[in-house]
Structure formats: structure tokens, C-alpha cells
Amino acid sequence: MIGWWRNLTGIQRTAAQATGVVVVMAGLGWASVPLYDLFCRVTGYGGTTQVGSGSDRVLEQTVRVRFDASVARDFPWEFRPVQRTMDIRLGEVGIAFYEAYNPTDEPVAGTASYNVAPYDAGLYFTKIDCFCFQYQVLQPGERVEMPVTFYVDPDMLDDRDARDTHTITLSYTFHRTEIPAADLAALGSRAVDGGTN
């Protein structure tokens, strides 16, 4: 390898270095999204929530959870929380519902991105089950209620940055998702049969 490098002219070395920089930058660009997602899930940074199965303890102290909903600019659904707030004990499992409606005359698929504020509470807000774990498809004129099951980890009281949190906001934004061809074919056969989602 070193012998190969020594045999290159100045222009060839510059070209090799530039090619190396491009390859490294492309690799970092390709890996940045999954690595950032992993970092956020592990640390709770940026309000990213955790995924779990339930707390082993429930405390008497409560926290208010506020539910927020929005859609991307080009997304045709109507989307809102059924209940705006919920007071829940730390460690207690709660369930909240969001309502979605497709007013168009075609099936529309969407994926929900989510966030928790304040960011310090994201590490302690744990989802057990959520409509946001997979994309959703609504038929023309279909209205559905979608659940999210969660709890707020009592360990939040041990975190000096998060322990004084009294209100947590769970926000979802729906974005359009392309319907995979296999699912699109299944949706077409359901429409012929008269079935719904």
C-alpha cells in the first residue's frame, strides 16, 4: 500500500485523497441517521421516548401528560388527541387515544413521528404500544381511534434535571408514507370485497 502511494504523482495523490474524503463522507452521511436515532433512544436526547413493557413500581406522585397532534403540510388527514390531558401516577400504565380521519377519496398511508417535551423527561416516558411503531392506512372517509399505551418511569425522581417536571407533552406529527405494492394490492382486494382497515 505504501509503495503504491509513493508511485503516485502529486495530482494522482490529490485525486486519491479527494476520493477517500468523498467515500468517508458518504459513509458518514449514510450512517448518521441510524446512529443519531440510536443515540437518542439510548439517552432520551431530544425528547425521544423509551420502549418498554411496564414499571415494577407505582408511586403516588402524579405528572400531567398533555397530548398534541399535527400533520405535515401536504398530509390530508385530520388528526387530533381524543383527550387533551391526563394526570397519571409515576409508574402507572396509561392509555390515550388519537383520532384520525381521511377525508379524501383514496387510501392514504401515514407514519407518525413523535417527541416528548421537556427533553429531560424523554428518557423516562416509556411507550409500551403505539400506533407510531408502524405506518397506518386509512380508507376513503375512514375515521379511527389509535391508542398509545405508556408510563412515566419513577426513576425520573432520581434525575436532578427531570425530577421537577410536572407536565410532559407528547406530540405526534403524521407524514405521508408510500403504501408498499403488496399492501396496495391487499387494499384493492378489500375495497372490492367491501371490507375496511
N, C-alpha and C. Protein backbone atom coordinates (compact mmCIF):
# COMPACT_ATOMS: atom_id res chain seq x y z
N MET A 1 0.82 -1.19 0.00
CA MET A 1 0.00 0.00 0.00
C MET A 1 0.87 1.25 0.00
N ILE A 2 1.90 1.26 0.85
CA ILE A 2 2.76 2.43 0.92
C ILE A 2 3.52 2.61 -0.39
N GLY A 3 3.95 1.49 -0.98
CA GLY A 3 4.65 1.56 -2.26
C GLY A 3 3.75 2.11 -3.35
N TRP A 4 2.50 1.75 -3.34
CA TRP A 4 1.54 2.27 -4.31
C TRP A 4 1.41 3.77 -4.16
N TRP A 5 1.33 4.24 -2.93
CA TRP A 5 1.17 5.67 -2.65
C TRP A 5 2.40 6.46 -3.13
N ARG A 6 3.60 5.89 -2.91
CA ARG A 6 4.83 6.59 -3.30
C ARG A 6 4.96 6.72 -4.82
N ASN A 7 4.37 5.81 -5.56
CA ASN A 7 4.46 5.84 -7.02
C ASN A 7 3.50 6.83 -7.66
N LEU A 8 2.61 7.43 -6.89
CA LEU A 8 1.64 8.37 -7.44
C LEU A 8 2.27 9.75 -7.62
N THR A 9 1.83 10.43 -8.65
CA THR A 9 2.26 11.82 -8.85
C THR A 9 1.45 12.72 -7.92
N GLY A 10 1.78 13.97 -7.85
CA GLY A 10 1.09 14.93 -6.99
C GLY A 10 -0.39 15.02 -7.31
N ILE A 11 -0.75 15.08 -8.59
CA ILE A 11 -2.16 15.16 -8.99
C ILE A 11 -2.88 13.87 -8.63
N GLN A 12 -2.23 12.73 -8.82
CA GLN A 12 -2.86 11.44 -8.50
C GLN A 12 -3.10 11.30 -7.00
N ARG A 13 -2.14 11.80 -6.21
CA ARG A 13 -2.32 11.76 -4.74
C ARG A 13 -3.51 12.63 -4.33
N THR A 14 -3.59 13.81 -4.93
CA THR A 14 -4.71 14.71 -4.62
C THR A 14 -6.03 14.06 -4.99
N ALA A 15 -6.08 13.42 -6.16
CA ALA A 15 -7.30 12.74 -6.60
C ALA A 15 -7.64 11.58 -5.65
N ALA A 16 -6.64 10.82 -5.21
CA ALA A 16 -6.87 9.71 -4.29
C ALA A 16 -7.38 10.21 -2.95
N GLN A 17 -6.79 11.30 -2.47
CA GLN A 17 -7.24 11.88 -1.20
C GLN A 17 -8.67 12.40 -1.32
N ALA A 18 -8.98 13.08 -2.41
CA ALA A 18 -10.34 13.60 -2.61
C ALA A 18 -11.34 12.46 -2.69
N THR A 19 -10.98 11.38 -3.39
CA THR A 19 -11.86 10.21 -3.47
C THR A 19 -12.06 9.60 -2.09
N GLY A 20 -10.98 9.52 -1.31
CA GLY A 20 -11.10 8.99 0.05
C GLY A 20 -12.02 9.84 0.91
N VAL A 21 -11.90 11.16 0.80
CA VAL A 21 -12.77 12.06 1.57
C VAL A 21 -14.22 11.87 1.15
N VAL A 22 -14.48 11.76 -0.15
CA VAL A 22 -15.86 11.56 -0.63
C VAL A 22 -16.42 10.25 -0.10
N VAL A 23 -15.64 9.17 -0.13
CA VAL A 23 -16.12 7.86 0.35
C VAL A 23 -16.41 7.92 1.85
N VAL A 24 -15.52 8.55 2.61
CA VAL A 24 -15.73 8.65 4.06
C VAL A 24 -16.98 9.50 4.36
N MET A 25 -17.12 10.63 3.68
CA MET A 25 -18.29 11.49 3.91
C MET A 25 -19.59 10.78 3.52
N ALA A 26 -19.59 10.05 2.42
CA ALA A 26 -20.79 9.30 2.02
C ALA A 26 -21.12 8.25 3.07
N GLY A 27 -20.11 7.56 3.58
CA GLY A 27 -20.34 6.57 4.63
C GLY A 27 -20.90 7.19 5.89
N LEU A 28 -20.35 8.33 6.30
CA LEU A 28 -20.86 9.02 7.48
C LEU A 28 -22.28 9.53 7.25
N GLY A 29 -22.53 10.04 6.04
CA GLY A 29 -23.89 10.51 5.73
C GLY A 29 -24.89 9.37 5.77
N TRP A 30 -24.51 8.22 5.26
CA TRP A 30 -25.40 7.05 5.24
C TRP A 30 -25.65 6.56 6.66
N ALA A 31 -24.63 6.58 7.51
CA ALA A 31 -24.74 6.03 8.86
C ALA A 31 -25.26 7.04 9.88
N SER A 32 -25.32 8.32 9.54
CA SER A 32 -25.65 9.32 10.54
C SER A 32 -27.08 9.20 11.08
N VAL A 33 -28.05 8.92 10.23
CA VAL A 33 -29.43 8.84 10.70
C VAL A 33 -29.61 7.67 11.68
N PRO A 34 -29.19 6.43 11.31
CA PRO A 34 -29.37 5.35 12.29
C PRO A 34 -28.54 5.55 13.57
N LEU A 35 -27.35 6.11 13.45
CA LEU A 35 -26.54 6.33 14.65
C LEU A 35 -27.15 7.41 15.54
N TYR A 36 -27.67 8.48 14.95
CA TYR A 36 -28.32 9.53 15.73
C TYR A 36 -29.59 8.98 16.40
N ASP A 37 -30.36 8.18 15.66
CA ASP A 37 -31.56 7.57 16.23
C ASP A 37 -31.19 6.69 17.41
N LEU A 38 -30.15 5.87 17.26
CA LEU A 38 -29.71 5.01 18.36
C LEU A 38 -29.27 5.86 19.56
N PHE A 39 -28.50 6.91 19.31
CA PHE A 39 -28.05 7.80 20.38
C PHE A 39 -29.25 8.39 21.12
N CYS A 40 -30.25 8.88 20.37
CA CYS A 40 -31.43 9.49 21.00
C CYS A 40 -32.23 8.49 21.80
N ARG A 41 -32.36 7.27 21.31
CA ARG A 41 -33.13 6.25 22.03
C ARG A 41 -32.43 5.83 23.32
N VAL A 42 -31.11 5.75 23.28
CA VAL A 42 -30.36 5.33 24.45
C VAL A 42 -30.34 6.42 25.51
N THR A 43 -30.18 7.67 25.09
CA THR A 43 -30.01 8.76 26.05
C THR A 43 -31.28 9.53 26.34
N GLY A 44 -32.31 9.39 25.48
CA GLY A 44 -33.52 10.19 25.64
C GLY A 44 -33.32 11.60 25.12
N TYR A 45 -32.20 11.86 24.45
CA TYR A 45 -31.89 13.19 23.93
C TYR A 45 -32.95 13.63 22.93
N GLY A 46 -33.28 14.90 22.97
CA GLY A 46 -34.24 15.45 22.02
C GLY A 46 -35.66 14.99 22.26
N GLY A 47 -35.95 14.48 23.46
CA GLY A 47 -37.32 14.08 23.77
C GLY A 47 -37.70 12.72 23.23
N THR A 48 -36.72 11.93 22.78
CA THR A 48 -37.03 10.60 22.27
C THR A 48 -37.45 9.71 23.42
N THR A 49 -38.54 9.00 23.24
CA THR A 49 -39.06 8.15 24.31
C THR A 49 -38.40 6.78 24.31
N GLN A 50 -38.62 6.06 25.38
CA GLN A 50 -38.14 4.69 25.50
C GLN A 50 -39.29 3.74 25.17
N VAL A 51 -38.95 2.47 24.90
CA VAL A 51 -39.96 1.45 24.65
C VAL A 51 -39.79 0.39 25.73
N GLY A 52 -40.87 0.00 26.40
CA GLY A 52 -40.78 -0.97 27.49
C GLY A 52 -42.05 -1.76 27.64
N SER A 53 -42.14 -2.50 28.76
CA SER A 53 -43.30 -3.36 28.98
C SER A 53 -44.08 -2.98 30.23
N GLY A 54 -43.58 -2.09 31.06
CA GLY A 54 -44.29 -1.67 32.26
C GLY A 54 -43.32 -1.48 33.40
N SER A 55 -43.74 -0.69 34.37
CA SER A 55 -42.89 -0.39 35.52
C SER A 55 -43.12 -1.42 36.62
N ASP A 56 -42.08 -1.65 37.41
CA ASP A 56 -42.21 -2.59 38.52
C ASP A 56 -42.70 -1.91 39.79
N ARG A 57 -42.90 -0.58 39.75
CA ARG A 57 -43.42 0.12 40.93
C ARG A 57 -44.27 1.31 40.49
N VAL A 58 -45.25 1.64 41.32
CA VAL A 58 -46.13 2.78 41.07
C VAL A 58 -46.10 3.67 42.30
N LEU A 59 -45.84 4.95 42.08
CA LEU A 59 -45.78 5.90 43.18
C LEU A 59 -47.06 6.72 43.25
N GLU A 60 -47.26 7.41 44.35
CA GLU A 60 -48.43 8.27 44.50
C GLU A 60 -48.27 9.60 43.79
N GLN A 61 -47.03 10.02 43.56
CA GLN A 61 -46.79 11.30 42.89
C GLN A 61 -47.30 11.23 41.45
N THR A 62 -47.96 12.29 41.02
CA THR A 62 -48.53 12.31 39.67
C THR A 62 -47.80 13.31 38.77
N VAL A 63 -47.98 13.11 37.49
CA VAL A 63 -47.49 14.02 36.48
C VAL A 63 -48.62 14.20 35.46
N ARG A 64 -48.75 15.38 34.93
CA ARG A 64 -49.76 15.64 33.91
C ARG A 64 -49.14 15.39 32.54
N VAL A 65 -49.81 14.58 31.73
CA VAL A 65 -49.37 14.33 30.37
C VAL A 65 -50.32 15.08 29.44
N ARG A 66 -49.75 15.91 28.61
CA ARG A 66 -50.52 16.70 27.64
C ARG A 66 -50.30 16.08 26.27
N PHE A 67 -51.36 15.94 25.49
CA PHE A 67 -51.29 15.29 24.18
C PHE A 67 -51.46 16.33 23.08
N ASP A 68 -50.58 16.26 22.08
CA ASP A 68 -50.58 17.22 20.99
C ASP A 68 -50.54 16.45 19.67
N ALA A 69 -51.18 17.01 18.64
CA ALA A 69 -51.23 16.34 17.34
C ALA A 69 -51.12 17.36 16.21
N SER A 70 -50.43 16.98 15.15
CA SER A 70 -50.35 17.82 13.96
C SER A 70 -50.09 16.92 12.76
N VAL A 71 -50.22 17.50 11.58
CA VAL A 71 -49.93 16.76 10.35
C VAL A 71 -48.97 17.60 9.51
N ALA A 72 -48.20 16.91 8.68
CA ALA A 72 -47.30 17.60 7.77
C ALA A 72 -48.12 18.42 6.78
N ARG A 73 -47.51 19.42 6.22
CA ARG A 73 -48.22 20.37 5.36
C ARG A 73 -48.98 19.70 4.21
N ASP A 74 -48.40 18.69 3.59
CA ASP A 74 -49.04 18.05 2.43
C ASP A 74 -49.88 16.84 2.80
N PHE A 75 -50.09 16.61 4.07
CA PHE A 75 -50.79 15.40 4.51
C PHE A 75 -52.28 15.70 4.69
N PRO A 76 -53.17 14.92 4.05
CA PRO A 76 -54.59 15.30 4.01
C PRO A 76 -55.44 14.89 5.22
N TRP A 77 -54.92 14.09 6.12
CA TRP A 77 -55.74 13.62 7.24
C TRP A 77 -56.07 14.75 8.22
N GLU A 78 -57.15 14.52 8.97
CA GLU A 78 -57.43 15.29 10.18
C GLU A 78 -56.96 14.41 11.33
N PHE A 79 -56.24 14.98 12.27
CA PHE A 79 -55.61 14.20 13.33
C PHE A 79 -55.63 15.01 14.61
N ARG A 80 -56.13 14.39 15.71
CA ARG A 80 -56.25 15.12 16.97
C ARG A 80 -56.24 14.13 18.14
N PRO A 81 -55.84 14.59 19.33
CA PRO A 81 -55.97 13.74 20.51
C PRO A 81 -57.43 13.71 20.96
N VAL A 82 -57.90 12.55 21.39
CA VAL A 82 -59.27 12.45 21.91
C VAL A 82 -59.35 13.14 23.26
N GLN A 83 -58.32 12.98 24.06
CA GLN A 83 -58.24 13.60 25.38
C GLN A 83 -57.01 14.51 25.39
N ARG A 84 -57.14 15.75 25.80
CA ARG A 84 -56.03 16.71 25.75
C ARG A 84 -55.00 16.51 26.85
N THR A 85 -55.45 16.12 28.05
CA THR A 85 -54.53 15.92 29.17
C THR A 85 -54.95 14.71 29.98
N MET A 86 -53.99 14.21 30.75
CA MET A 86 -54.24 13.08 31.65
C MET A 86 -53.28 13.21 32.82
N ASP A 87 -53.82 13.07 34.04
CA ASP A 87 -52.96 13.02 35.21
C ASP A 87 -52.74 11.54 35.53
N ILE A 88 -51.46 11.18 35.68
CA ILE A 88 -51.12 9.77 35.87
C ILE A 88 -50.04 9.66 36.95
N ARG A 89 -50.13 8.60 37.75
CA ARG A 89 -49.12 8.38 38.77
C ARG A 89 -47.83 7.86 38.11
N LEU A 90 -46.71 8.20 38.68
CA LEU A 90 -45.43 7.70 38.15
C LEU A 90 -45.41 6.18 38.25
N GLY A 91 -45.14 5.53 37.15
CA GLY A 91 -45.10 4.07 37.09
C GLY A 91 -46.42 3.44 36.66
N GLU A 92 -47.50 4.19 36.71
CA GLU A 92 -48.82 3.67 36.34
C GLU A 92 -48.94 3.62 34.81
N VAL A 93 -49.52 2.54 34.31
CA VAL A 93 -49.72 2.41 32.86
C VAL A 93 -50.95 3.21 32.47
N GLY A 94 -50.79 4.05 31.45
CA GLY A 94 -51.89 4.86 30.94
C GLY A 94 -52.14 4.54 29.48
N ILE A 95 -53.33 4.81 29.02
CA ILE A 95 -53.66 4.64 27.61
C ILE A 95 -54.39 5.90 27.14
N ALA A 96 -53.94 6.39 26.01
CA ALA A 96 -54.56 7.58 25.42
C ALA A 96 -54.89 7.26 23.97
N PHE A 97 -55.87 7.97 23.43
CA PHE A 97 -56.29 7.72 22.05
C PHE A 97 -56.16 8.99 21.23
N TYR A 98 -55.75 8.79 19.99
CA TYR A 98 -55.73 9.85 18.99
C TYR A 98 -56.71 9.45 17.89
N GLU A 99 -57.41 10.44 17.35
CA GLU A 99 -58.38 10.18 16.29
C GLU A 99 -57.81 10.68 14.96
N ALA A 100 -57.95 9.84 13.93
CA ALA A 100 -57.51 10.21 12.58
C ALA A 100 -58.67 10.01 11.63
N TYR A 101 -58.76 10.90 10.65
CA TYR A 101 -59.84 10.85 9.66
C TYR A 101 -59.24 11.15 8.28
N ASN A 102 -59.60 10.32 7.31
CA ASN A 102 -59.15 10.51 5.93
C ASN A 102 -60.32 11.07 5.12
N PRO A 103 -60.34 12.38 4.83
CA PRO A 103 -61.45 12.97 4.09
C PRO A 103 -61.33 12.83 2.57
N THR A 104 -60.28 12.17 2.09
CA THR A 104 -60.06 12.06 0.65
C THR A 104 -60.85 10.90 0.06
N ASP A 105 -60.76 10.74 -1.25
CA ASP A 105 -61.46 9.63 -1.93
C ASP A 105 -60.49 8.52 -2.33
N GLU A 106 -59.35 8.42 -1.62
CA GLU A 106 -58.37 7.36 -1.89
C GLU A 106 -57.73 6.91 -0.58
N PRO A 107 -57.22 5.68 -0.53
CA PRO A 107 -56.49 5.24 0.67
C PRO A 107 -55.24 6.10 0.84
N VAL A 108 -54.97 6.48 2.08
CA VAL A 108 -53.78 7.28 2.38
C VAL A 108 -53.05 6.63 3.54
N ALA A 109 -51.73 6.47 3.39
CA ALA A 109 -50.90 5.89 4.46
C ALA A 109 -50.10 7.00 5.12
N GLY A 110 -49.90 6.85 6.42
CA GLY A 110 -49.12 7.83 7.16
C GLY A 110 -48.30 7.18 8.25
N THR A 111 -47.21 7.83 8.59
CA THR A 111 -46.35 7.41 9.69
C THR A 111 -46.23 8.57 10.66
N ALA A 112 -46.33 8.27 11.94
CA ALA A 112 -46.27 9.31 12.96
C ALA A 112 -44.86 9.41 13.53
N SER A 113 -44.33 10.62 13.52
CA SER A 113 -43.10 10.89 14.27
C SER A 113 -43.54 11.49 15.60
N TYR A 114 -42.72 11.34 16.61
CA TYR A 114 -43.13 11.78 17.94
C TYR A 114 -42.00 12.46 18.68
N ASN A 115 -42.38 13.16 19.73
CA ASN A 115 -41.42 13.86 20.55
C ASN A 115 -42.04 14.08 21.93
N VAL A 116 -41.19 14.22 22.91
CA VAL A 116 -41.64 14.49 24.28
C VAL A 116 -40.94 15.75 24.77
N ALA A 117 -41.69 16.63 25.38
CA ALA A 117 -41.12 17.83 25.98
C ALA A 117 -41.57 17.91 27.43
N PRO A 118 -40.75 18.34 28.35
CA PRO A 118 -39.38 18.78 28.15
C PRO A 118 -38.47 17.61 27.81
N TYR A 119 -37.36 17.93 27.13
CA TYR A 119 -36.45 16.89 26.65
C TYR A 119 -35.94 16.00 27.78
N ASP A 120 -35.73 16.58 28.95
CA ASP A 120 -35.22 15.79 30.08
C ASP A 120 -36.16 14.66 30.47
N ALA A 121 -37.44 14.81 30.18
CA ALA A 121 -38.42 13.77 30.53
C ALA A 121 -38.49 12.66 29.49
N GLY A 122 -37.92 12.88 28.31
CA GLY A 122 -38.00 11.88 27.24
C GLY A 122 -37.42 10.54 27.64
N LEU A 123 -36.37 10.55 28.42
CA LEU A 123 -35.74 9.30 28.86
C LEU A 123 -36.65 8.49 29.76
N TYR A 124 -37.60 9.15 30.43
CA TYR A 124 -38.46 8.48 31.41
C TYR A 124 -39.87 8.23 30.90
N PHE A 125 -40.19 8.74 29.74
CA PHE A 125 -41.51 8.48 29.14
C PHE A 125 -41.37 7.23 28.29
N THR A 126 -42.01 6.16 28.72
CA THR A 126 -41.83 4.85 28.08
C THR A 126 -43.11 4.39 27.42
N LYS A 127 -43.01 4.08 26.14
CA LYS A 127 -44.17 3.56 25.39
C LYS A 127 -44.15 2.04 25.44
N ILE A 128 -45.32 1.47 25.72
CA ILE A 128 -45.48 0.02 25.70
C ILE A 128 -45.99 -0.42 24.35
N ASP A 129 -46.96 0.30 23.83
CA ASP A 129 -47.51 0.02 22.50
C ASP A 129 -47.97 1.35 21.90
N CYS A 130 -47.82 1.48 20.59
CA CYS A 130 -48.14 2.76 19.97
C CYS A 130 -48.45 2.59 18.49
N PHE A 131 -49.40 3.36 18.01
CA PHE A 131 -49.70 3.39 16.58
C PHE A 131 -48.51 3.90 15.78
N CYS A 132 -47.59 4.59 16.45
CA CYS A 132 -46.43 5.16 15.76
C CYS A 132 -45.36 4.12 15.46
N PHE A 133 -45.50 2.89 15.96
CA PHE A 133 -44.50 1.86 15.70
C PHE A 133 -44.56 1.34 14.28
N GLN A 134 -45.66 1.59 13.58
CA GLN A 134 -45.79 1.15 12.18
C GLN A 134 -46.69 2.13 11.43
N TYR A 135 -46.62 2.08 10.10
CA TYR A 135 -47.44 3.02 9.34
C TYR A 135 -48.90 2.62 9.41
N GLN A 136 -49.77 3.61 9.21
CA GLN A 136 -51.22 3.41 9.28
C GLN A 136 -51.82 3.72 7.91
N VAL A 137 -52.83 2.96 7.52
CA VAL A 137 -53.53 3.21 6.26
C VAL A 137 -55.00 3.44 6.58
N LEU A 138 -55.54 4.55 6.08
CA LEU A 138 -56.97 4.82 6.23
C LEU A 138 -57.63 4.82 4.86
N GLN A 139 -58.76 4.16 4.78
CA GLN A 139 -59.55 4.12 3.56
C GLN A 139 -60.26 5.47 3.37
N PRO A 140 -60.78 5.74 2.17
CA PRO A 140 -61.51 6.99 1.96
C PRO A 140 -62.66 7.15 2.96
N GLY A 141 -62.70 8.29 3.63
CA GLY A 141 -63.77 8.57 4.58
C GLY A 141 -63.66 7.83 5.91
N GLU A 142 -62.61 7.06 6.11
CA GLU A 142 -62.48 6.27 7.34
C GLU A 142 -62.00 7.14 8.51
N ARG A 143 -62.58 6.87 9.68
CA ARG A 143 -62.21 7.54 10.92
C ARG A 143 -61.85 6.45 11.92
N VAL A 144 -60.69 6.58 12.58
CA VAL A 144 -60.25 5.57 13.55
C VAL A 144 -59.73 6.25 14.81
N GLU A 145 -59.77 5.50 15.91
CA GLU A 145 -59.10 5.91 17.13
C GLU A 145 -57.91 5.00 17.32
N MET A 146 -56.74 5.61 17.53
CA MET A 146 -55.49 4.86 17.64
C MET A 146 -54.91 5.04 19.04
N PRO A 147 -54.60 3.92 19.72
CA PRO A 147 -54.13 4.02 21.10
C PRO A 147 -52.61 4.14 21.22
N VAL A 148 -52.19 4.75 22.30
CA VAL A 148 -50.80 4.70 22.74
C VAL A 148 -50.83 4.32 24.21
N THR A 149 -50.09 3.28 24.58
CA THR A 149 -50.01 2.80 25.95
C THR A 149 -48.63 3.16 26.48
N PHE A 150 -48.56 3.74 27.67
CA PHE A 150 -47.30 4.30 28.15
C PHE A 150 -47.28 4.35 29.67
N TYR A 151 -46.10 4.67 30.20
CA TYR A 151 -45.98 5.03 31.62
C TYR A 151 -44.80 5.98 31.76
N VAL A 152 -44.77 6.71 32.87
CA VAL A 152 -43.66 7.59 33.18
C VAL A 152 -42.86 6.90 34.28
N ASP A 153 -41.61 6.59 33.98
CA ASP A 153 -40.75 5.83 34.89
C ASP A 153 -40.51 6.60 36.18
N PRO A 154 -40.75 5.95 37.35
CA PRO A 154 -40.50 6.62 38.64
C PRO A 154 -39.05 7.04 38.84
N ASP A 155 -38.12 6.44 38.07
CA ASP A 155 -36.71 6.83 38.18
C ASP A 155 -36.49 8.29 37.80
N MET A 156 -37.49 8.92 37.21
CA MET A 156 -37.40 10.34 36.86
C MET A 156 -37.11 11.18 38.12
N LEU A 157 -37.59 10.73 39.28
CA LEU A 157 -37.38 11.48 40.52
C LEU A 157 -35.92 11.48 40.96
N ASP A 158 -35.12 10.53 40.44
CA ASP A 158 -33.70 10.46 40.79
C ASP A 158 -32.83 11.32 39.88
N ASP A 159 -33.41 11.87 38.83
CA ASP A 159 -32.67 12.69 37.87
C ASP A 159 -32.83 14.16 38.26
N ARG A 160 -31.74 14.82 38.61
CA ARG A 160 -31.84 16.20 39.08
C ARG A 160 -32.37 17.16 38.03
N ASP A 161 -32.22 16.82 36.74
CA ASP A 161 -32.73 17.68 35.68
C ASP A 161 -34.21 17.45 35.40
N ALA A 162 -34.71 16.24 35.67
CA ALA A 162 -36.09 15.90 35.31
C ALA A 162 -37.04 15.81 36.51
N ARG A 163 -36.53 15.74 37.71
CA ARG A 163 -37.39 15.46 38.87
C ARG A 163 -38.43 16.54 39.17
N ASP A 164 -38.20 17.75 38.73
CA ASP A 164 -39.18 18.82 38.97
C ASP A 164 -40.18 18.97 37.83
N THR A 165 -40.22 18.01 36.94
CA THR A 165 -41.16 18.06 35.82
C THR A 165 -42.55 17.70 36.31
N HIS A 166 -43.51 18.59 36.05
CA HIS A 166 -44.89 18.35 36.47
C HIS A 166 -45.82 18.13 35.28
N THR A 167 -45.38 18.57 34.11
CA THR A 167 -46.18 18.38 32.89
C THR A 167 -45.27 17.89 31.78
N ILE A 168 -45.71 16.84 31.11
CA ILE A 168 -44.98 16.28 29.96
C ILE A 168 -45.90 16.38 28.76
N THR A 169 -45.37 16.83 27.63
CA THR A 169 -46.15 16.92 26.41
C THR A 169 -45.69 15.85 25.43
N LEU A 170 -46.63 15.02 25.00
CA LEU A 170 -46.38 14.00 23.97
C LEU A 170 -46.95 14.53 22.66
N SER A 171 -46.08 14.75 21.69
CA SER A 171 -46.50 15.32 20.41
C SER A 171 -46.30 14.31 19.29
N TYR A 172 -47.28 14.25 18.40
CA TYR A 172 -47.18 13.42 17.19
C TYR A 172 -47.41 14.28 15.97
N THR A 173 -46.68 13.98 14.91
CA THR A 173 -46.91 14.59 13.61
C THR A 173 -47.00 13.47 12.59
N PHE A 174 -48.10 13.45 11.83
CA PHE A 174 -48.25 12.43 10.78
C PHE A 174 -47.68 12.96 9.47
N HIS A 175 -46.96 12.06 8.78
CA HIS A 175 -46.37 12.34 7.48
C HIS A 175 -46.85 11.28 6.49
N ARG A 176 -46.97 11.66 5.23
CA ARG A 176 -47.40 10.72 4.19
C ARG A 176 -46.34 9.63 4.00
N THR A 177 -46.82 8.40 3.82
CA THR A 177 -45.97 7.25 3.55
C THR A 177 -46.50 6.56 2.31
N GLU A 178 -45.58 6.14 1.46
CA GLU A 178 -46.00 5.37 0.29
C GLU A 178 -46.48 4.00 0.75
N ILE A 179 -47.56 3.54 0.19
CA ILE A 179 -48.09 2.22 0.53
C ILE A 179 -47.30 1.18 -0.28
N PRO A 180 -46.67 0.20 0.39
CA PRO A 180 -45.95 -0.84 -0.35
C PRO A 180 -46.87 -1.57 -1.32
N ALA A 181 -46.31 -2.01 -2.45
CA ALA A 181 -47.11 -2.63 -3.52
C ALA A 181 -47.94 -3.81 -3.01
N ALA A 182 -47.36 -4.66 -2.15
CA ALA A 182 -48.09 -5.82 -1.64
C ALA A 182 -49.30 -5.38 -0.82
N ASP A 183 -49.12 -4.34 0.00
CA ASP A 183 -50.22 -3.84 0.81
C ASP A 183 -51.26 -3.13 -0.05
N LEU A 184 -50.79 -2.45 -1.10
CA LEU A 184 -51.71 -1.76 -2.01
C LEU A 184 -52.62 -2.76 -2.71
N ALA A 185 -52.06 -3.91 -3.11
CA ALA A 185 -52.86 -4.96 -3.74
C ALA A 185 -53.89 -5.50 -2.76
N ALA A 186 -53.48 -5.68 -1.49
CA ALA A 186 -54.41 -6.18 -0.48
C ALA A 186 -55.53 -5.16 -0.23
N LEU A 187 -55.18 -3.88 -0.23
CA LEU A 187 -56.19 -2.84 -0.05
C LEU A 187 -57.18 -2.85 -1.19
N GLY A 188 -56.69 -3.06 -2.41
CA GLY A 188 -57.57 -3.11 -3.58
C GLY A 188 -58.55 -4.25 -3.49
N SER A 189 -58.09 -5.42 -3.03
CA SER A 189 -59.00 -6.56 -2.91
C SER A 189 -60.01 -6.34 -1.79
N ARG A 190 -59.62 -5.63 -0.74
CA ARG A 190 -60.56 -5.33 0.34
C ARG A 190 -61.66 -4.39 -0.16
N ALA A 191 -61.28 -3.43 -0.98
CA ALA A 191 -62.26 -2.48 -1.50
C ALA A 191 -63.29 -3.20 -2.36
N VAL A 192 -62.82 -4.21 -3.13
CA VAL A 192 -63.75 -4.99 -3.97
C VAL A 192 -64.69 -5.80 -3.09
N ASP A 193 -64.14 -6.37 -1.98
CA ASP A 193 -64.94 -7.18 -1.06
C ASP A 193 -65.83 -6.32 -0.16
N GLY A 194 -65.57 -5.02 -0.10
CA GLY A 194 -66.37 -4.14 0.77
C GLY A 194 -65.83 -4.05 2.17
N GLY A 195 -64.61 -4.58 2.43
CA GLY A 195 -64.03 -4.54 3.77
C GLY A 195 -63.31 -3.23 4.01
N THR A 196 -62.96 -3.00 5.27
CA THR A 196 -62.20 -1.81 5.65
C THR A 196 -61.00 -2.21 6.45
N ASN A 197 -60.22 -1.23 6.81
CA ASN A 197 -58.98 -1.42 7.55
C ASN A 197 -59.20 -2.04 8.90
